[in-house]
Every structure is written in structure tokens, then in C-alpha cells.
Amino acid sequence: MRPLTEQDIRSSFVNCSKGEAKRLAIPRDLDERPWDDLDFLGWRDPGAPDRSYLVVERAGGPVGVTLRFPSSQRGFLHRSMCSLCLTTHPGNGVSLMTARKAGTAGREGNSVGIYICTDLACPLYIRGRKSPGGGARFEESLTVEQQLARMTGNLSAFLDKLDA
């Protein structure tokens, strides 16, 4: 992924108002992010524990999405799998995140959900740059490139539902 600026990020959001995009918390460490290892930029909002954000490069440029997830989640005995990268995590390592749909449908309260790694580090798990604490990655016959292609395909399908 190419490095993004704060302005790139703020102008990319498709499911919130321009005012909301201006006010959301942008990571302060953009210069330190491992851009070569990222297929999307994802972060949690430190001031709002139920919010996360995701920005992905698409054909028309970066597309940003605001995500919400429940503040109370399952216990630590439960193990869940991310729908994007297929990494398993115990407890709260995977969350059902919902995104308000774009346009009129979103203003009417319609949303789309996906189970995703709570820390939004899917590309780093696939590349072996980060290990899931107490979780696992299945040994696959697919190459890392094929796993990344599957992840970006899953993410693209999710993003396509926001406009549907």
C-alpha cells in the first residue's frame, strides 16, 4: 500500500459526513507504519472504544470506512476466526464490526457487518510480521501472495456491500 497522508485519509471516507471525517482520530504514527506490509490501513479510535477505521486503496483511490463494534464481547474461552485473513483468536481478538452503508441507505440506518481481527492487523498476520496472542494461523497450501489476494477479495466484497 502506498503511504497515506492525513488529508488522503480524511477525504476517503464513504460512510460518514465530511464533518465526522474531519473530527475522527487519525493515527499519529503514519510515518512509522509498515506501508510495504499493509494492504489496508486499520486503526482503533483511542477516544471511542467502540470505533475503528479502515482505509483501502481501490481503483478510484483510497476508500475509508468507519466501523463500530460492541464494547462488551464474548469471554476468553471462545475462539473466533477473522473473515478477512482467517486468523483465529481467543476471546475478544475477533469482533463483529458493522459499517453504516453509504448514501441514503446509511442515513436510513442500514449497515453491513463482518467478523474481523479486532486490532485490524490482518496483513501483518498473513505475512508473519505479527503473531496472534493465543490464536493461530492455519497452515495452508496457498502462498502468502494467494492468501493476501483472498484477504483483499474478502475485503472488497465487504466494501461492495456498502454501496449496494
C-alpha atoms as a PDB file:
ATOM      1  CA  MET A   1       0.000   0.000   0.000  1.00  0.00           C
ATOM      2  CA  ARG A   2       1.252   3.480  -0.739  1.00  0.00           C
ATOM      3  CA  PRO A   3       1.759   5.749   2.278  1.00  0.00           C
ATOM      4  CA  LEU A   4      -1.288   7.893   3.001  1.00  0.00           C
ATOM      5  CA  THR A   5      -1.400  11.409   4.367  1.00  0.00           C
ATOM      6  CA  GLU A   6      -3.900  12.691   6.897  1.00  0.00           C
ATOM      7  CA  GLN A   7      -5.716  14.519   4.077  1.00  0.00           C
ATOM      8  CA  ASP A   8      -5.823  11.329   1.940  1.00  0.00           C
ATOM      9  CA  ILE A   9      -7.413   9.521   4.864  1.00  0.00           C
ATOM     10  CA  ARG A  10      -9.942  12.192   5.849  1.00  0.00           C
ATOM     11  CA  SER A  11     -11.178  12.637   2.277  1.00  0.00           C
ATOM     12  CA  SER A  12     -11.534   8.875   1.673  1.00  0.00           C
ATOM     13  CA  PHE A  13     -14.485   8.075   3.954  1.00  0.00           C
ATOM     14  CA  VAL A  14     -17.638   6.930   2.185  1.00  0.00           C
ATOM     15  CA  ASN A  15     -19.968   6.184   5.090  1.00  0.00           C
ATOM     16  CA  CYS A  16     -19.765   9.293   7.243  1.00  0.00           C
ATOM     17  CA  SER A  17     -20.234  13.017   6.739  1.00  0.00           C
ATOM     18  CA  LYS A  18     -17.348  15.354   5.901  1.00  0.00           C
ATOM     19  CA  GLY A  19     -17.721  16.851   9.379  1.00  0.00           C
ATOM     20  CA  GLU A  20     -17.437  13.429  11.014  1.00  0.00           C
ATOM     21  CA  ALA A  21     -14.390  12.637   8.873  1.00  0.00           C
ATOM     22  CA  LYS A  22     -12.773  15.924   9.989  1.00  0.00           C
ATOM     23  CA  ARG A  23     -13.266  15.045  13.649  1.00  0.00           C
ATOM     24  CA  LEU A  24     -12.183  11.394  13.670  1.00  0.00           C
ATOM     25  CA  ALA A  25      -8.879  10.433  15.291  1.00  0.00           C
ATOM     26  CA  ILE A  26      -6.131   9.812  12.707  1.00  0.00           C
ATOM     27  CA  PRO A  27      -3.105   7.752  13.806  1.00  0.00           C
ATOM     28  CA  ARG A  28      -0.192  10.000  14.770  1.00  0.00           C
ATOM     29  CA  ASP A  29       2.367   7.456  13.594  1.00  0.00           C
ATOM     30  CA  LEU A  30       1.602   7.467   9.859  1.00  0.00           C
ATOM     31  CA  ASP A  31       5.299   7.958   9.030  1.00  0.00           C
ATOM     32  CA  GLU A  32       6.182   4.865  11.077  1.00  0.00           C
ATOM     33  CA  ARG A  33       3.588   2.483   9.638  1.00  0.00           C
ATOM     34  CA  PRO A  34       4.964  -0.551   7.731  1.00  0.00           C
ATOM     35  CA  TRP A  35       3.319   0.568   4.466  1.00  0.00           C
ATOM     36  CA  ASP A  36       5.054  -2.106   2.361  1.00  0.00           C
ATOM     37  CA  ASP A  37       3.434  -4.780   4.552  1.00  0.00           C
ATOM     38  CA  LEU A  38      -0.064  -3.241   4.572  1.00  0.00           C
ATOM     39  CA  ASP A  39      -2.871  -3.980   2.156  1.00  0.00           C
ATOM     40  CA  PHE A  40      -5.133  -1.656   4.111  1.00  0.00           C
ATOM     41  CA  LEU A  41      -4.703   0.800   6.957  1.00  0.00           C
ATOM     42  CA  GLY A  42      -6.764  -0.036  10.015  1.00  0.00           C
ATOM     43  CA  TRP A  43      -6.817   1.513  13.487  1.00  0.00           C
ATOM     44  CA  ARG A  44      -8.901   1.799  16.621  1.00  0.00           C
ATOM     45  CA  ASP A  45     -10.102   5.149  17.902  1.00  0.00           C
ATOM     46  CA  PRO A  46      -8.365   5.747  21.247  1.00  0.00           C
ATOM     47  CA  GLY A  47     -11.102   8.168  22.341  1.00  0.00           C
ATOM     48  CA  ALA A  48     -14.036   5.965  21.349  1.00  0.00           C
ATOM     49  CA  PRO A  49     -13.512   2.302  22.316  1.00  0.00           C
ATOM     50  CA  ASP A  50     -16.383   1.126  20.106  1.00  0.00           C
ATOM     51  CA  ARG A  51     -14.977   2.645  16.872  1.00  0.00           C
ATOM     52  CA  SER A  52     -12.402   1.579  14.321  1.00  0.00           C
ATOM     53  CA  TYR A  53     -11.479   2.815  10.883  1.00  0.00           C
ATOM     54  CA  LEU A  54     -10.235   1.134   7.756  1.00  0.00           C
ATOM     55  CA  VAL A  55      -8.804   2.668   4.573  1.00  0.00           C
ATOM     56  CA  VAL A  56      -8.050   0.585   1.486  1.00  0.00           C
ATOM     57  CA  GLU A  57      -6.689   1.545  -1.931  1.00  0.00           C
ATOM     58  CA  ARG A  58      -9.237   0.829  -4.675  1.00  0.00           C
ATOM     59  CA  ALA A  59      -9.364   1.643  -8.379  1.00  0.00           C
ATOM     60  CA  GLY A  60     -10.684   5.178  -7.801  1.00  0.00           C
ATOM     61  CA  GLY A  61      -8.302   5.941  -4.923  1.00  0.00           C
ATOM     62  CA  PRO A  62      -8.422   5.348  -1.177  1.00  0.00           C
ATOM     63  CA  VAL A  63     -11.766   4.317   0.347  1.00  0.00           C
ATOM     64  CA  GLY A  64     -12.283   4.777   4.082  1.00  0.00           C
ATOM     65  CA  VAL A  65     -14.926   3.144   6.241  1.00  0.00           C
ATOM     66  CA  THR A  66     -15.971   3.839   9.825  1.00  0.00           C
ATOM     67  CA  LEU A  67     -16.646   0.681  11.806  1.00  0.00           C
ATOM     68  CA  ARG A  68     -18.413   0.087  15.113  1.00  0.00           C
ATOM     69  CA  PHE A  69     -18.321  -2.912  17.364  1.00  0.00           C
ATOM     70  CA  PRO A  70     -19.891  -3.828  20.695  1.00  0.00           C
ATOM     71  CA  SER A  71     -17.972  -2.681  23.760  1.00  0.00           C
ATOM     72  CA  SER A  72     -18.935  -5.837  25.660  1.00  0.00           C
ATOM     73  CA  GLN A  73     -17.815  -9.012  23.966  1.00  0.00           C
ATOM     74  CA  ARG A  74     -17.518 -12.753  24.474  1.00  0.00           C
ATOM     75  CA  GLY A  75     -15.493 -14.389  27.211  1.00  0.00           C
ATOM     76  CA  PHE A  76     -11.938 -15.602  26.846  1.00  0.00           C
ATOM     77  CA  LEU A  77     -12.869 -19.268  26.401  1.00  0.00           C
ATOM     78  CA  HIS A  78     -14.382 -18.634  22.980  1.00  0.00           C
ATOM     79  CA  ARG A  79     -12.219 -18.763  19.850  1.00  0.00           C
ATOM     80  CA  SER A  80     -13.261 -16.931  16.659  1.00  0.00           C
ATOM     81  CA  MET A  81     -11.939 -16.633  13.109  1.00  0.00           C
ATOM     82  CA  CYS A  82     -11.473 -13.431  11.127  1.00  0.00           C
ATOM     83  CA  SER A  83     -13.457 -13.361   7.877  1.00  0.00           C
ATOM     84  CA  LEU A  84     -10.669 -11.494   6.076  1.00  0.00           C
ATOM     85  CA  CYS A  85      -7.413 -13.253   6.960  1.00  0.00           C
ATOM     86  CA  LEU A  86      -8.758 -16.482   8.554  1.00  0.00           C
ATOM     87  CA  THR A  87      -6.657 -15.982  11.687  1.00  0.00           C
ATOM     88  CA  THR A  88      -8.168 -17.419  14.863  1.00  0.00           C
ATOM     89  CA  HIS A  89      -8.120 -15.504  18.136  1.00  0.00           C
ATOM     90  CA  PRO A  90      -9.358 -16.287  21.633  1.00  0.00           C
ATOM     91  CA  GLY A  91     -11.784 -14.015  23.470  1.00  0.00           C
ATOM     92  CA  ASN A  92     -12.067 -10.515  22.053  1.00  0.00           C
ATOM     93  CA  GLY A  93      -9.457 -10.988  19.295  1.00  0.00           C
ATOM     94  CA  VAL A  94     -12.183 -11.072  16.617  1.00  0.00           C
ATOM     95  CA  SER A  95     -15.122  -8.665  16.653  1.00  0.00           C
ATOM     96  CA  LEU A  96     -18.277  -8.283  14.647  1.00  0.00           C
ATOM     97  CA  MET A  97     -17.716  -4.834  13.178  1.00  0.00           C
ATOM     98  CA  THR A  98     -20.520  -3.018  11.451  1.00  0.00           C
ATOM     99  CA  ALA A  99     -20.276  -0.270   8.883  1.00  0.00           C
ATOM    100  CA  ARG A 100     -23.084   2.103   8.055  1.00  0.00           C
ATOM    101  CA  LYS A 101     -23.966   1.832   4.375  1.00  0.00           C
ATOM    102  CA  ALA A 102     -23.098   4.731   2.099  1.00  0.00           C
ATOM    103  CA  GLY A 103     -25.665   7.278   0.932  1.00  0.00           C
ATOM    104  CA  THR A 104     -29.389   7.191   1.610  1.00  0.00           C
ATOM    105  CA  ALA A 105     -29.348   3.598   2.863  1.00  0.00           C
ATOM    106  CA  GLY A 106     -26.849   4.535   5.568  1.00  0.00           C
ATOM    107  CA  ARG A 107     -28.804   7.622   6.577  1.00  0.00           C
ATOM    108  CA  GLU A 108     -31.814   5.323   6.994  1.00  0.00           C
ATOM    109  CA  GLY A 109     -29.805   3.192   9.443  1.00  0.00           C
ATOM    110  CA  ASN A 110     -28.806   0.278   7.209  1.00  0.00           C
ATOM    111  CA  SER A 111     -25.454  -1.351   7.897  1.00  0.00           C
ATOM    112  CA  VAL A 112     -23.274  -4.307   6.926  1.00  0.00           C
ATOM    113  CA  GLY A 113     -21.236  -6.445   9.323  1.00  0.00           C
ATOM    114  CA  ILE A 114     -18.105  -8.560   9.174  1.00  0.00           C
ATOM    115  CA  TYR A 115     -16.093 -10.580  11.690  1.00  0.00           C
ATOM    116  CA  ILE A 116     -12.582  -9.149  11.641  1.00  0.00           C
ATOM    117  CA  CYS A 117      -9.431  -9.096  13.779  1.00  0.00           C
ATOM    118  CA  THR A 118     -10.126  -6.511  16.479  1.00  0.00           C
ATOM    119  CA  ASP A 119      -6.666  -4.957  16.017  1.00  0.00           C
ATOM    120  CA  LEU A 120      -7.137  -4.783  12.198  1.00  0.00           C
ATOM    121  CA  ALA A 121      -3.667  -6.291  11.651  1.00  0.00           C
ATOM    122  CA  CYS A 122      -4.756  -8.920   9.090  1.00  0.00           C
ATOM    123  CA  PRO A 123      -1.998  -8.174   6.527  1.00  0.00           C
ATOM    124  CA  LEU A 124       0.655  -8.495   9.252  1.00  0.00           C
ATOM    125  CA  TYR A 125      -0.735 -11.858  10.426  1.00  0.00           C
ATOM    126  CA  ILE A 126      -0.686 -13.277   6.895  1.00  0.00           C
ATOM    127  CA  ARG A 127       2.861 -12.035   6.291  1.00  0.00           C
ATOM    128  CA  GLY A 128       4.044 -13.462   9.620  1.00  0.00           C
ATOM    129  CA  ARG A 129       5.033  -9.988  10.912  1.00  0.00           C
ATOM    130  CA  LYS A 130       2.678 -10.329  13.875  1.00  0.00           C
ATOM    131  CA  SER A 131       1.529 -13.353  15.877  1.00  0.00           C
ATOM    132  CA  PRO A 132      -1.999 -13.684  17.201  1.00  0.00           C
ATOM    133  CA  GLY A 133      -1.763 -13.761  21.000  1.00  0.00           C
ATOM    134  CA  GLY A 134      -3.163 -17.133  21.994  1.00  0.00           C
ATOM    135  CA  GLY A 135      -4.546 -17.593  18.492  1.00  0.00           C
ATOM    136  CA  ALA A 136      -3.250 -19.332  15.397  1.00  0.00           C
ATOM    137  CA  ARG A 137      -2.875 -19.214  11.671  1.00  0.00           C
ATOM    138  CA  PHE A 138      -3.773 -22.417   9.900  1.00  0.00           C
ATOM    139  CA  GLU A 139      -1.055 -23.978   7.815  1.00  0.00           C
ATOM    140  CA  GLU A 140      -2.237 -23.547   4.253  1.00  0.00           C
ATOM    141  CA  SER A 141      -1.114 -24.795   0.877  1.00  0.00           C
ATOM    142  CA  LEU A 142      -1.716 -21.309  -0.536  1.00  0.00           C
ATOM    143  CA  THR A 143       1.255 -18.985  -0.918  1.00  0.00           C
ATOM    144  CA  VAL A 144       1.368 -15.755   1.080  1.00  0.00           C
ATOM    145  CA  GLU A 145       0.502 -13.862  -2.123  1.00  0.00           C
ATOM    146  CA  GLN A 146      -2.559 -16.080  -2.656  1.00  0.00           C
ATOM    147  CA  GLN A 147      -3.647 -15.605   0.960  1.00  0.00           C
ATOM    148  CA  LEU A 148      -3.273 -11.820   0.562  1.00  0.00           C
ATOM    149  CA  ALA A 149      -5.314 -11.960  -2.650  1.00  0.00           C
ATOM    150  CA  ARG A 150      -8.046 -13.899  -0.810  1.00  0.00           C
ATOM    151  CA  MET A 151      -8.000 -11.344   2.030  1.00  0.00           C
ATOM    152  CA  THR A 152      -8.265  -8.371  -0.332  1.00  0.00           C
ATOM    153  CA  GLY A 153     -11.045 -10.164  -2.227  1.00  0.00           C
ATOM    154  CA  ASN A 154     -12.958 -10.710   1.036  1.00  0.00           C
ATOM    155  CA  LEU A 155     -12.443  -7.057   1.978  1.00  0.00           C
ATOM    156  CA  SER A 156     -13.507  -5.892  -1.476  1.00  0.00           C
ATOM    157  CA  ALA A 157     -16.716  -7.962  -1.242  1.00  0.00           C
ATOM    158  CA  PHE A 158     -17.465  -6.361   2.123  1.00  0.00           C
ATOM    159  CA  LEU A 159     -16.860  -2.848   0.751  1.00  0.00           C
ATOM    160  CA  ASP A 160     -19.047  -3.581  -2.286  1.00  0.00           C
ATOM    161  CA  LYS A 161     -21.962  -4.315   0.091  1.00  0.00           C
ATOM    162  CA  LEU A 162     -21.696  -0.772   1.485  1.00  0.00           C
ATOM    163  CA  ASP A 163     -22.790   0.675  -1.858  1.00  0.00           C
ATOM    164  CA  ALA A 164     -25.425  -1.969  -2.608  1.00  0.00           C
END
